[in-house]
Protein backbone atom coordinates (compact mmCIF):
# COMPACT_ATOMS: atom_id res chain seq x y z
CA MET A 1 30.40 90.46 -38.65
CA ALA A 2 33.47 89.23 -36.34
CA ASP A 3 33.04 91.81 -33.89
CA LYS A 4 29.65 90.55 -32.91
CA ILE A 5 30.66 86.48 -32.42
CA LYS A 6 32.01 85.41 -29.39
CA GLU A 7 34.92 83.03 -29.95
CA GLU A 8 33.63 80.30 -27.87
CA ASN A 9 30.50 80.16 -29.96
CA ILE A 10 32.39 79.11 -33.03
CA LEU A 11 33.18 75.32 -33.96
CA PHE A 12 36.22 75.32 -36.28
CA ILE A 13 36.05 71.98 -38.44
CA ASP A 14 37.97 70.08 -41.22
CA ILE A 15 36.90 67.06 -43.09
CA GLU A 16 39.24 64.47 -44.93
CA THR A 17 37.53 62.50 -47.58
CA ALA A 18 38.47 59.30 -49.61
CA ALA A 19 36.97 57.68 -52.77
CA GLN A 20 34.23 55.33 -51.96
CA GLN A 21 35.75 52.30 -53.63
CA LYS A 22 39.61 51.43 -53.85
CA ASN A 23 39.35 51.27 -57.66
CA PHE A 24 37.08 52.04 -60.58
CA SER A 25 37.01 48.57 -61.33
CA ASP A 26 34.94 48.33 -57.84
CA LEU A 27 32.26 50.46 -59.05
CA ASN A 28 29.15 48.89 -60.40
CA GLU A 29 28.53 49.37 -64.26
CA ARG A 30 26.06 52.25 -63.34
CA LEU A 31 28.14 54.26 -61.49
CA LYS A 32 31.18 53.53 -63.95
CA GLU A 33 29.01 55.30 -66.78
CA LEU A 34 27.88 57.99 -64.37
CA TRP A 35 31.31 58.90 -63.55
CA ALA A 36 32.54 58.65 -67.25
CA LYS A 37 29.80 61.21 -67.84
CA LYS A 38 31.07 63.68 -64.81
CA MET A 39 34.44 63.59 -65.74
CA ARG A 40 33.98 64.01 -69.79
CA TRP A 41 35.57 67.71 -69.67
CA PHE A 42 38.73 66.62 -67.59
CA MET A 43 38.85 63.42 -69.92
CA GLU A 44 39.44 65.67 -72.88
CA LYS A 45 41.20 68.45 -71.26
CA GLU A 46 43.79 65.88 -69.57
CA SER A 47 43.45 63.10 -72.41
CA LYS A 48 43.15 60.54 -69.86
CA THR A 49 40.38 57.97 -69.45
CA ALA A 50 37.71 57.67 -66.84
CA GLU A 51 39.32 54.97 -64.72
CA GLU A 52 42.53 57.20 -64.71
CA LEU A 53 40.57 59.94 -63.46
CA TYR A 54 39.25 58.16 -60.32
CA GLU A 55 41.96 59.29 -58.26
CA LYS A 56 39.83 62.75 -58.01
CA ALA A 57 36.52 60.46 -56.86
CA ALA A 58 37.36 61.64 -53.42
CA ILE A 59 36.33 65.61 -54.43
CA TRP A 60 32.98 64.67 -55.00
CA ALA A 61 30.36 63.64 -52.32
CA GLU A 62 28.27 61.45 -55.11
CA PHE A 63 31.54 59.21 -55.58
CA GLY A 64 33.48 60.14 -52.08
CA LYS A 65 33.13 59.24 -48.33
CA ILE A 66 34.26 61.10 -45.22
CA VAL A 67 36.62 59.44 -43.32
CA CYS A 68 37.69 61.92 -40.76
CA ILE A 69 36.22 65.08 -39.24
CA SER A 70 37.93 67.06 -36.50
CA ALA A 71 36.40 69.78 -34.50
CA GLY A 72 37.57 71.84 -32.09
CA TYR A 73 36.42 75.05 -29.92
CA ILE A 74 37.69 77.78 -27.77
CA THR A 75 37.15 77.41 -23.90
CA LYS A 76 38.09 78.20 -20.48
CA LYS A 77 39.79 75.65 -18.03
CA ASN A 78 40.82 76.94 -14.57
CA GLY A 79 40.49 80.22 -15.77
CA GLU A 80 42.84 79.74 -18.66
CA ARG A 81 41.67 79.84 -22.71
CA ILE A 82 42.42 76.81 -24.08
CA PHE A 83 41.30 74.96 -27.74
CA ARG A 84 39.42 71.71 -27.12
CA LEU A 85 40.05 69.33 -30.14
CA LYS A 86 38.18 66.16 -31.06
CA SER A 87 38.18 63.78 -34.15
CA PHE A 88 35.84 61.51 -35.58
CA TYR A 89 37.03 58.67 -38.04
CA GLY A 90 36.91 55.34 -39.27
CA HIS A 91 35.72 53.03 -41.96
CA ASN A 92 31.91 53.30 -41.08
CA GLU A 93 31.04 56.70 -42.86
CA LYS A 94 27.24 56.50 -41.11
CA GLU A 95 28.62 55.78 -37.65
CA LEU A 96 31.00 58.74 -37.96
CA LEU A 97 28.34 61.16 -39.17
CA THR A 98 25.91 60.23 -36.57
CA ASN A 99 28.42 60.76 -33.79
CA PHE A 100 29.27 64.04 -35.28
CA SER A 101 25.60 65.07 -35.70
CA ALA A 102 25.19 64.35 -32.29
CA LEU A 103 27.76 66.51 -31.14
CA LEU A 104 26.28 69.39 -32.79
CA ASN A 105 22.80 68.60 -31.92
CA GLN A 106 24.11 68.56 -28.18
CA HIS A 107 26.27 71.14 -27.72
CA PHE A 108 26.08 73.45 -30.94
CA ASN A 109 22.53 73.96 -31.31
CA LYS A 110 21.82 77.29 -30.47
CA ASP A 111 21.38 80.43 -32.40
CA LYS A 112 24.52 81.67 -31.31
CA HIS A 113 26.58 78.78 -32.79
CA LEU A 114 28.20 78.87 -36.04
CA LEU A 115 30.75 76.58 -37.74
CA CYS A 116 33.97 77.73 -39.34
CA ALA A 117 36.20 76.31 -42.11
CA HIS A 118 38.12 77.21 -44.73
CA ASN A 119 36.48 77.12 -48.18
CA GLY A 120 33.76 75.45 -46.09
CA LYS A 121 31.30 77.08 -47.89
CA GLU A 122 32.06 75.43 -51.11
CA PHE A 123 33.51 72.36 -49.63
CA ASP A 124 33.14 71.02 -46.47
CA PHE A 125 29.60 72.19 -45.29
CA PRO A 126 27.92 71.01 -48.28
CA TYR A 127 29.76 67.69 -48.29
CA LEU A 128 28.86 67.05 -45.04
CA SER A 129 25.47 67.57 -45.85
CA ARG A 130 25.34 65.41 -48.89
CA ARG A 131 26.98 62.53 -46.93
CA MET A 132 24.23 62.48 -44.04
CA LEU A 133 21.60 62.68 -46.56
CA VAL A 134 23.19 59.84 -48.62
CA ASN A 135 23.56 57.96 -45.12
CA GLY A 136 20.16 58.68 -43.45
CA VAL A 137 21.42 60.92 -40.91
CA ASN A 138 19.35 63.84 -39.90
CA LEU A 139 20.92 67.23 -40.82
CA PRO A 140 21.87 69.01 -37.55
CA LYS A 141 20.52 72.45 -37.25
CA LEU A 142 23.76 74.09 -37.76
CA LEU A 143 24.00 72.24 -41.43
CA ASP A 144 20.01 72.69 -42.47
CA ASN A 145 19.80 75.49 -44.55
CA ALA A 146 16.79 74.83 -46.16
CA GLY A 147 14.50 78.05 -46.66
CA LYS A 148 17.20 80.01 -44.83
CA LYS A 149 18.16 83.51 -46.24
CA PRO A 150 21.83 84.14 -46.81
CA TRP A 151 22.54 85.86 -43.59
CA GLU A 152 20.60 83.08 -41.48
CA ILE A 153 23.19 80.78 -42.47
CA LYS A 154 25.50 80.16 -39.44
CA HIS A 155 28.73 79.37 -41.34
CA ILE A 156 32.13 81.24 -41.29
CA ASP A 157 34.74 80.68 -44.15
CA THR A 158 38.15 81.81 -43.55
CA LEU A 159 39.06 82.04 -47.08
CA GLU A 160 35.65 84.27 -47.69
CA LEU A 161 36.83 86.39 -44.90
CA TRP A 162 40.48 86.89 -47.03
CA LYS A 163 38.88 87.63 -50.03
CA PHE A 164 37.34 90.73 -49.21
CA GLY A 165 34.39 90.45 -51.45
CA ASP A 166 36.85 89.31 -54.57
CA VAL A 167 35.44 86.12 -56.08
CA LYS A 168 37.95 85.21 -58.34
CA HIS A 169 40.71 84.91 -55.52
CA TYR A 170 41.56 81.39 -53.98
CA THR A 171 44.12 81.37 -51.51
CA SER A 172 45.21 78.09 -49.84
CA LEU A 173 45.20 77.12 -45.96
CA ASP A 174 48.64 76.83 -46.07
CA LEU A 175 49.66 80.13 -48.08
CA LEU A 176 47.52 81.86 -45.33
CA ALA A 177 49.65 80.02 -42.76
CA ALA A 178 52.88 80.86 -43.97
CA ILE A 179 52.17 84.57 -44.48
CA PHE A 180 50.77 84.97 -40.85
CA ASN A 181 53.39 82.78 -39.63
CA ILE A 182 51.29 79.81 -38.34
CA PRO A 183 52.78 76.55 -38.35
CA SER A 184 51.97 74.53 -41.50
CA PRO A 185 49.67 71.61 -41.23
CA LYS A 186 50.90 69.85 -44.11
CA ASP A 187 54.03 68.58 -42.24
CA GLN A 188 53.51 65.09 -43.13
CA ILE A 189 50.66 64.90 -45.62
CA ASP A 190 48.51 67.11 -47.70
CA GLY A 191 45.16 66.97 -48.73
CA SER A 192 46.12 65.17 -52.20
CA MET A 193 47.38 62.26 -50.13
CA VAL A 194 44.34 61.47 -48.05
CA ASN A 195 43.02 58.92 -50.45
CA GLN A 196 46.29 57.08 -50.68
CA VAL A 197 46.85 57.20 -47.15
CA TYR A 198 43.47 55.86 -46.38
CA TRP A 199 43.32 52.97 -49.05
CA GLU A 200 47.08 51.77 -49.61
CA GLU A 201 48.29 52.55 -45.83
CA GLN A 202 45.22 52.23 -43.82
CA ASN A 203 46.26 54.89 -41.62
CA LEU A 204 43.12 56.46 -40.27
CA ALA A 205 45.30 57.82 -37.14
CA LYS A 206 47.58 59.79 -39.44
CA ILE A 207 44.62 61.07 -41.53
CA ALA A 208 43.04 62.30 -38.19
CA ASP A 209 46.55 63.53 -36.93
CA TYR A 210 46.63 65.97 -40.33
CA CYS A 211 42.84 66.81 -39.91
CA GLN A 212 43.42 68.03 -36.34
CA LYS A 213 46.43 70.30 -37.43
CA ASP A 214 43.94 71.63 -40.44
CA VAL A 215 41.49 72.58 -37.45
CA VAL A 216 44.04 74.28 -35.26
CA THR A 217 45.24 76.35 -38.17
CA ILE A 218 42.06 77.46 -39.15
CA CYS A 219 41.43 78.43 -35.69
CA LYS A 220 44.63 80.33 -35.67
CA LEU A 221 44.04 82.16 -39.00
CA TYR A 222 40.75 83.33 -38.02
CA LEU A 223 41.90 84.71 -34.94
CA LYS A 224 44.89 86.43 -36.94
CA LEU A 225 42.02 88.00 -39.32
CA ASN A 226 40.26 89.57 -36.45
CA GLY A 227 43.66 90.98 -35.04
CA GLU A 228 44.90 88.49 -32.63
CA GLN A 229 48.60 88.52 -32.80
CA GLU A 230 49.70 85.70 -30.28
CA THR A 231 47.95 82.69 -31.34
CA GLU A 232 50.80 80.63 -30.12
CA LEU A 233 49.65 81.32 -26.73
CA LEU A 234 46.45 79.03 -27.01
CA PRO A 235 46.98 75.99 -25.66
CA ILE A 236 45.80 72.74 -27.23
CA GLU A 237 43.66 70.04 -25.47
CA ILE A 238 42.93 66.82 -27.50
CA ALA A 239 40.03 64.72 -26.49
CA ASN A 240 40.05 60.91 -26.94
CA PRO A 241 38.80 60.04 -30.63
CA ALA A 242 35.24 58.63 -31.79
CA ILE A 243 36.25 55.73 -33.92
CA SER A 244 34.08 54.04 -36.33
CA ASN A 245 34.58 50.48 -37.40
């Protein structure tokens, strides 16, 4: 499949998520009860209360929210190949999602375009779609999979490429970066720390910086998986972020 795909038609993305509320106590009674039901298996396995498990809330689109989306694509500038990168981040999730949707609708809405993420088919793509629906944002063409056959869905997953059909095998982006000699995107924080950085430090710029590093890593990994060796020769151009209040 990769032989038929032009690299300039791929938008590489990553999202960062946080819990919708800072604390379990901030949820209304109905959501507290539903969270406890969702966590029942974890409560038994880890011997923790629903409140103690609220640190996991960012993982689920029903209880979490997107606080940053970073996206990048390969293009040419002055005849040279570059990687252009942009982030959308802020506290207003609907505005953030609306701005990202507009980017897809305006610039990545043709049949030739695809989205690429690491573990994107299980996390990034469905999470984005669910949060857009919750916020009343119309799904852009690249995320609207209703009625499509599996081969018509324009999504690439670098984790799936690495699996080679092995359904049981999960490999983190950081590990794949290490074995392909790509610099780690986890030099300051990792995904497990985003919720704390968002609610305790309130440092969205730090989250965006980490998210952008993930996107660069995903792009370089994709190129490595398609036989390119010198990914460090790909210059990076970062556009001004779209910040929502």
